[in-house]
Amino acid sequence: MVPGSKRLKRTDRFPLVGSCPYEIIESLGQELIVTSRGEALAVNISSKGMLLLMDQPPALNQELRVQVPTPLAMVKTPTRAEVRWTRKIHMDRDESRYFVGVRFLVRRDAAWREGRIEYRV
């Protein structure tokens, strides 16, 4: 890693392949509103974020609520994240997917803590 660089070393990331349900979140004042839902594939994880493989690219800086894959299916770990970058990859002539890098967010607002999120899907 270049001194002073904020980029993670490859050794700071760990493989984590699994289904990763997500919700796109919009903030309206104090309210959090889920505007759409989807399913991504988690590729790897670090203490600061995750790499996802998605069918459609969310907007940069878009907030997501992701369910981080865990070994125990009964454990739910909703985490708020922000889209930092996207990269289109071509699967074949007519099909594309997107690598999406997300950074975990730490939010302390009451709606998030108490699970009060309005769903408008």
N, C-alpha and C. Protein backbone atom coordinates (compact mmCIF):
# COMPACT_ATOMS: atom_id res chain seq x y z
N MET A 1 0.84 -1.18 0.00
CA MET A 1 0.00 0.00 0.00
C MET A 1 0.88 1.23 0.00
N VAL A 2 0.52 2.23 -0.77
CA VAL A 2 1.26 3.48 -0.84
C VAL A 2 1.08 4.22 0.48
N PRO A 3 2.19 4.75 1.08
CA PRO A 3 2.03 5.49 2.33
C PRO A 3 1.01 6.61 2.18
N GLY A 4 0.11 6.72 3.14
CA GLY A 4 -0.92 7.74 3.12
C GLY A 4 -2.15 7.36 2.31
N SER A 5 -2.07 6.24 1.61
CA SER A 5 -3.20 5.80 0.79
C SER A 5 -4.29 5.21 1.67
N LYS A 6 -5.54 5.45 1.30
CA LYS A 6 -6.66 4.89 2.05
C LYS A 6 -7.13 3.58 1.45
N ARG A 7 -6.51 3.13 0.37
CA ARG A 7 -6.92 1.87 -0.26
C ARG A 7 -6.54 0.70 0.63
N LEU A 8 -7.39 -0.29 0.65
CA LEU A 8 -7.13 -1.49 1.44
C LEU A 8 -6.18 -2.41 0.70
N LYS A 9 -5.34 -3.08 1.44
CA LYS A 9 -4.51 -4.13 0.85
C LYS A 9 -5.40 -5.32 0.56
N ARG A 10 -5.01 -6.12 -0.40
CA ARG A 10 -5.79 -7.32 -0.69
C ARG A 10 -5.89 -8.23 0.53
N THR A 11 -4.87 -8.22 1.39
CA THR A 11 -4.90 -9.08 2.57
C THR A 11 -5.89 -8.58 3.61
N ASP A 12 -6.37 -7.33 3.47
CA ASP A 12 -7.36 -6.81 4.40
C ASP A 12 -8.77 -7.27 4.05
N ARG A 13 -8.92 -7.89 2.90
CA ARG A 13 -10.21 -8.37 2.44
C ARG A 13 -10.29 -9.88 2.61
N PHE A 14 -11.49 -10.36 2.86
CA PHE A 14 -11.69 -11.79 3.05
C PHE A 14 -12.79 -12.27 2.11
N PRO A 15 -12.60 -13.43 1.48
CA PRO A 15 -13.65 -13.96 0.61
C PRO A 15 -14.94 -14.17 1.41
N LEU A 16 -16.03 -13.80 0.84
CA LEU A 16 -17.33 -14.00 1.47
C LEU A 16 -18.33 -14.14 0.33
N VAL A 17 -18.54 -15.35 -0.13
CA VAL A 17 -19.43 -15.57 -1.26
C VAL A 17 -20.76 -16.05 -0.73
N GLY A 18 -21.79 -15.28 -1.05
CA GLY A 18 -23.13 -15.67 -0.61
C GLY A 18 -24.16 -14.65 -1.02
N SER A 19 -25.41 -15.04 -0.90
CA SER A 19 -26.53 -14.18 -1.24
C SER A 19 -26.58 -13.00 -0.27
N CYS A 20 -26.82 -11.82 -0.82
CA CYS A 20 -26.84 -10.60 0.00
C CYS A 20 -28.06 -9.76 -0.38
N PRO A 21 -29.19 -9.97 0.32
CA PRO A 21 -30.36 -9.14 0.06
C PRO A 21 -30.04 -7.68 0.41
N TYR A 22 -30.61 -6.76 -0.37
CA TYR A 22 -30.37 -5.34 -0.08
C TYR A 22 -31.65 -4.55 -0.32
N GLU A 23 -31.69 -3.37 0.29
CA GLU A 23 -32.76 -2.41 0.10
C GLU A 23 -32.12 -1.06 -0.20
N ILE A 24 -32.68 -0.34 -1.15
CA ILE A 24 -32.20 1.01 -1.43
C ILE A 24 -32.98 1.96 -0.53
N ILE A 25 -32.23 2.80 0.18
CA ILE A 25 -32.81 3.69 1.19
C ILE A 25 -32.71 5.14 0.73
N GLU A 26 -33.79 5.88 0.93
CA GLU A 26 -33.80 7.33 0.71
C GLU A 26 -34.12 7.99 2.04
N SER A 27 -33.49 9.11 2.32
CA SER A 27 -33.78 9.86 3.53
C SER A 27 -34.67 11.04 3.19
N LEU A 28 -35.77 11.16 3.92
CA LEU A 28 -36.65 12.31 3.81
C LEU A 28 -36.73 12.94 5.19
N GLY A 29 -35.86 13.91 5.44
CA GLY A 29 -35.79 14.51 6.77
C GLY A 29 -35.35 13.47 7.78
N GLN A 30 -36.19 13.21 8.77
CA GLN A 30 -35.86 12.23 9.81
C GLN A 30 -36.31 10.82 9.42
N GLU A 31 -37.08 10.71 8.33
CA GLU A 31 -37.60 9.40 7.91
C GLU A 31 -36.66 8.70 6.94
N LEU A 32 -36.59 7.39 7.08
CA LEU A 32 -35.86 6.55 6.13
C LEU A 32 -36.89 5.75 5.35
N ILE A 33 -36.79 5.78 4.02
CA ILE A 33 -37.77 5.12 3.18
C ILE A 33 -37.07 4.13 2.26
N VAL A 34 -37.54 2.90 2.24
CA VAL A 34 -37.01 1.89 1.33
C VAL A 34 -37.76 2.03 0.01
N THR A 35 -37.01 2.31 -1.07
CA THR A 35 -37.64 2.53 -2.37
C THR A 35 -37.58 1.31 -3.28
N SER A 36 -36.65 0.40 -3.04
CA SER A 36 -36.62 -0.84 -3.82
C SER A 36 -35.79 -1.88 -3.09
N ARG A 37 -35.97 -3.13 -3.53
CA ARG A 37 -35.27 -4.27 -2.93
C ARG A 37 -34.65 -5.09 -4.04
N GLY A 38 -33.62 -5.86 -3.66
CA GLY A 38 -33.00 -6.75 -4.63
C GLY A 38 -32.11 -7.77 -3.95
N GLU A 39 -31.43 -8.53 -4.75
CA GLU A 39 -30.53 -9.58 -4.27
C GLU A 39 -29.21 -9.42 -5.01
N ALA A 40 -28.13 -9.34 -4.26
CA ALA A 40 -26.79 -9.25 -4.84
C ALA A 40 -26.01 -10.49 -4.41
N LEU A 41 -24.83 -10.63 -4.96
CA LEU A 41 -23.91 -11.69 -4.54
C LEU A 41 -22.73 -11.02 -3.86
N ALA A 42 -22.50 -11.36 -2.60
CA ALA A 42 -21.32 -10.85 -1.89
C ALA A 42 -20.10 -11.59 -2.42
N VAL A 43 -19.02 -10.84 -2.68
CA VAL A 43 -17.79 -11.42 -3.21
C VAL A 43 -16.70 -11.44 -2.15
N ASN A 44 -16.53 -10.30 -1.47
CA ASN A 44 -15.57 -10.25 -0.37
C ASN A 44 -15.98 -9.17 0.61
N ILE A 45 -15.31 -9.14 1.77
CA ILE A 45 -15.67 -8.21 2.84
C ILE A 45 -14.40 -7.76 3.54
N SER A 46 -14.44 -6.56 4.10
CA SER A 46 -13.38 -6.04 4.96
C SER A 46 -14.05 -5.36 6.14
N SER A 47 -13.28 -4.81 7.03
CA SER A 47 -13.86 -4.11 8.16
C SER A 47 -14.55 -2.83 7.73
N LYS A 48 -14.24 -2.33 6.54
CA LYS A 48 -14.79 -1.06 6.07
C LYS A 48 -15.88 -1.19 5.01
N GLY A 49 -16.00 -2.36 4.37
CA GLY A 49 -17.00 -2.49 3.33
C GLY A 49 -17.04 -3.86 2.69
N MET A 50 -17.76 -3.93 1.56
CA MET A 50 -17.95 -5.19 0.85
C MET A 50 -17.91 -4.95 -0.65
N LEU A 51 -17.61 -6.02 -1.37
CA LEU A 51 -17.71 -6.01 -2.82
C LEU A 51 -18.91 -6.87 -3.18
N LEU A 52 -19.83 -6.29 -3.96
CA LEU A 52 -21.04 -6.98 -4.38
C LEU A 52 -21.04 -7.15 -5.88
N LEU A 53 -21.73 -8.17 -6.36
CA LEU A 53 -21.99 -8.36 -7.77
C LEU A 53 -23.49 -8.19 -7.94
N MET A 54 -23.89 -7.20 -8.78
CA MET A 54 -25.30 -6.84 -8.91
C MET A 54 -25.73 -6.83 -10.37
N ASP A 55 -27.05 -7.01 -10.57
CA ASP A 55 -27.63 -6.96 -11.92
C ASP A 55 -27.67 -5.53 -12.46
N GLN A 56 -27.94 -4.56 -11.60
CA GLN A 56 -28.05 -3.16 -11.98
C GLN A 56 -27.17 -2.33 -11.05
N PRO A 57 -26.54 -1.27 -11.56
CA PRO A 57 -25.69 -0.46 -10.69
C PRO A 57 -26.50 0.60 -9.95
N PRO A 58 -26.40 0.65 -8.63
CA PRO A 58 -27.02 1.76 -7.91
C PRO A 58 -26.21 3.03 -8.16
N ALA A 59 -26.79 4.16 -7.87
CA ALA A 59 -26.11 5.44 -8.04
C ALA A 59 -24.96 5.57 -7.04
N LEU A 60 -23.93 6.30 -7.43
CA LEU A 60 -22.85 6.59 -6.49
C LEU A 60 -23.42 7.34 -5.29
N ASN A 61 -22.89 7.04 -4.12
CA ASN A 61 -23.31 7.62 -2.84
C ASN A 61 -24.70 7.17 -2.40
N GLN A 62 -25.33 6.27 -3.14
CA GLN A 62 -26.64 5.73 -2.76
C GLN A 62 -26.51 4.95 -1.47
N GLU A 63 -27.44 5.13 -0.55
CA GLU A 63 -27.43 4.35 0.69
C GLU A 63 -28.21 3.06 0.49
N LEU A 64 -27.64 1.99 1.03
CA LEU A 64 -28.27 0.67 0.98
C LEU A 64 -28.36 0.11 2.38
N ARG A 65 -29.30 -0.75 2.58
CA ARG A 65 -29.37 -1.57 3.78
C ARG A 65 -29.10 -2.98 3.28
N VAL A 66 -28.00 -3.57 3.70
CA VAL A 66 -27.61 -4.90 3.22
C VAL A 66 -27.67 -5.92 4.35
N GLN A 67 -28.00 -7.15 3.99
CA GLN A 67 -27.96 -8.26 4.94
C GLN A 67 -26.67 -9.01 4.67
N VAL A 68 -25.68 -8.80 5.51
CA VAL A 68 -24.37 -9.43 5.33
C VAL A 68 -24.53 -10.94 5.51
N PRO A 69 -24.07 -11.74 4.54
CA PRO A 69 -24.17 -13.20 4.69
C PRO A 69 -23.42 -13.68 5.92
N THR A 70 -24.04 -14.56 6.67
CA THR A 70 -23.41 -15.13 7.86
C THR A 70 -23.51 -16.64 7.80
N PRO A 71 -22.64 -17.33 8.53
CA PRO A 71 -22.69 -18.80 8.51
C PRO A 71 -24.00 -19.36 9.04
N LEU A 72 -24.62 -18.66 9.97
CA LEU A 72 -25.87 -19.13 10.54
C LEU A 72 -27.03 -18.41 9.85
N ALA A 73 -27.85 -19.16 9.15
CA ALA A 73 -28.95 -18.56 8.38
C ALA A 73 -29.92 -17.78 9.27
N MET A 74 -29.99 -18.15 10.57
CA MET A 74 -30.95 -17.48 11.45
C MET A 74 -30.46 -16.11 11.91
N VAL A 75 -29.21 -15.79 11.73
CA VAL A 75 -28.67 -14.52 12.18
C VAL A 75 -28.90 -13.47 11.10
N LYS A 76 -29.54 -12.38 11.46
CA LYS A 76 -29.78 -11.27 10.54
C LYS A 76 -28.87 -10.11 10.95
N THR A 77 -28.13 -9.60 10.00
CA THR A 77 -27.20 -8.52 10.30
C THR A 77 -27.42 -7.35 9.33
N PRO A 78 -28.51 -6.60 9.51
CA PRO A 78 -28.73 -5.47 8.60
C PRO A 78 -27.67 -4.41 8.84
N THR A 79 -27.07 -3.96 7.78
CA THR A 79 -25.99 -2.99 7.85
C THR A 79 -26.25 -1.90 6.84
N ARG A 80 -26.03 -0.69 7.24
CA ARG A 80 -26.18 0.44 6.32
C ARG A 80 -24.87 0.65 5.59
N ALA A 81 -24.95 0.88 4.29
CA ALA A 81 -23.75 1.03 3.47
C ALA A 81 -23.99 2.12 2.42
N GLU A 82 -22.89 2.61 1.86
CA GLU A 82 -22.95 3.63 0.83
C GLU A 82 -22.16 3.16 -0.38
N VAL A 83 -22.73 3.33 -1.56
CA VAL A 83 -22.07 2.93 -2.80
C VAL A 83 -20.92 3.90 -3.06
N ARG A 84 -19.71 3.36 -3.21
CA ARG A 84 -18.51 4.18 -3.46
C ARG A 84 -18.07 4.12 -4.91
N TRP A 85 -18.28 2.97 -5.58
CA TRP A 85 -17.89 2.84 -6.98
C TRP A 85 -18.64 1.68 -7.61
N THR A 86 -18.73 1.71 -8.95
CA THR A 86 -19.31 0.60 -9.70
C THR A 86 -18.43 0.34 -10.92
N ARG A 87 -18.42 -0.90 -11.38
CA ARG A 87 -17.67 -1.26 -12.58
C ARG A 87 -18.48 -2.30 -13.36
N LYS A 88 -18.78 -1.98 -14.60
CA LYS A 88 -19.54 -2.88 -15.46
C LYS A 88 -18.64 -4.00 -15.94
N ILE A 89 -19.17 -5.23 -15.92
CA ILE A 89 -18.45 -6.37 -16.48
C ILE A 89 -19.39 -7.05 -17.48
N HIS A 90 -18.86 -7.46 -18.58
CA HIS A 90 -19.64 -8.11 -19.63
C HIS A 90 -19.61 -9.61 -19.42
N MET A 91 -20.77 -10.21 -19.34
CA MET A 91 -20.88 -11.66 -19.16
C MET A 91 -20.84 -12.35 -20.52
N ASP A 92 -21.58 -11.82 -21.46
CA ASP A 92 -21.56 -12.28 -22.85
C ASP A 92 -22.06 -11.10 -23.69
N ARG A 93 -22.37 -11.35 -24.92
CA ARG A 93 -22.73 -10.27 -25.84
C ARG A 93 -23.91 -9.43 -25.36
N ASP A 94 -24.92 -10.07 -24.77
CA ASP A 94 -26.14 -9.37 -24.39
C ASP A 94 -26.34 -9.18 -22.89
N GLU A 95 -25.39 -9.60 -22.09
CA GLU A 95 -25.61 -9.59 -20.65
C GLU A 95 -24.44 -8.93 -19.92
N SER A 96 -24.78 -8.10 -18.95
CA SER A 96 -23.77 -7.43 -18.13
C SER A 96 -24.14 -7.55 -16.66
N ARG A 97 -23.16 -7.46 -15.81
CA ARG A 97 -23.31 -7.38 -14.36
C ARG A 97 -22.42 -6.24 -13.90
N TYR A 98 -22.52 -5.94 -12.61
CA TYR A 98 -21.77 -4.80 -12.07
C TYR A 98 -21.11 -5.17 -10.76
N PHE A 99 -19.81 -4.92 -10.66
CA PHE A 99 -19.15 -4.96 -9.37
C PHE A 99 -19.49 -3.64 -8.69
N VAL A 100 -19.88 -3.72 -7.42
CA VAL A 100 -20.26 -2.53 -6.67
C VAL A 100 -19.51 -2.55 -5.34
N GLY A 101 -18.70 -1.53 -5.11
CA GLY A 101 -17.98 -1.40 -3.86
C GLY A 101 -18.79 -0.54 -2.90
N VAL A 102 -19.09 -1.08 -1.72
CA VAL A 102 -19.84 -0.32 -0.72
C VAL A 102 -19.01 -0.15 0.54
N ARG A 103 -19.18 0.98 1.18
CA ARG A 103 -18.52 1.29 2.45
C ARG A 103 -19.59 1.24 3.54
N PHE A 104 -19.27 0.55 4.64
CA PHE A 104 -20.21 0.48 5.75
C PHE A 104 -20.33 1.86 6.40
N LEU A 105 -21.55 2.20 6.81
CA LEU A 105 -21.81 3.46 7.49
C LEU A 105 -22.20 3.20 8.93
N VAL A 106 -21.78 4.07 9.79
CA VAL A 106 -22.20 3.99 11.19
C VAL A 106 -23.13 5.17 11.42
N ARG A 107 -24.39 4.86 11.64
CA ARG A 107 -25.38 5.90 11.87
C ARG A 107 -26.01 5.68 13.23
N ARG A 108 -26.28 6.75 13.90
CA ARG A 108 -26.83 6.65 15.23
C ARG A 108 -28.23 7.26 15.33
N ASP A 109 -28.89 7.49 14.18
CA ASP A 109 -30.21 8.09 14.25
C ASP A 109 -31.23 7.10 14.82
N ALA A 110 -32.24 7.64 15.47
CA ALA A 110 -33.21 6.83 16.18
C ALA A 110 -33.98 5.89 15.26
N ALA A 111 -34.36 6.35 14.08
CA ALA A 111 -35.14 5.51 13.17
C ALA A 111 -34.38 4.24 12.82
N TRP A 112 -33.08 4.37 12.56
CA TRP A 112 -32.27 3.20 12.21
C TRP A 112 -32.12 2.28 13.41
N ARG A 113 -31.80 2.85 14.57
CA ARG A 113 -31.58 2.06 15.78
C ARG A 113 -32.82 1.27 16.16
N GLU A 114 -33.97 1.90 16.03
CA GLU A 114 -35.21 1.28 16.48
C GLU A 114 -35.90 0.50 15.37
N GLY A 115 -35.29 0.45 14.19
CA GLY A 115 -35.86 -0.31 13.09
C GLY A 115 -37.09 0.34 12.47
N ARG A 116 -37.27 1.64 12.69
CA ARG A 116 -38.43 2.34 12.12
C ARG A 116 -38.08 2.86 10.74
N ILE A 117 -38.23 2.01 9.75
CA ILE A 117 -37.98 2.41 8.38
C ILE A 117 -39.27 2.15 7.60
N GLU A 118 -39.74 3.17 6.90
CA GLU A 118 -40.96 3.04 6.12
C GLU A 118 -40.65 2.38 4.79
N TYR A 119 -41.51 1.47 4.36
CA TYR A 119 -41.31 0.75 3.11
C TYR A 119 -42.28 1.27 2.06
N ARG A 120 -41.74 1.78 0.97
CA ARG A 120 -42.55 2.23 -0.15
C ARG A 120 -42.04 1.56 -1.42
N VAL A 121 -42.15 0.27 -1.46
CA VAL A 121 -41.64 -0.49 -2.60
C VAL A 121 -42.75 -0.75 -3.59
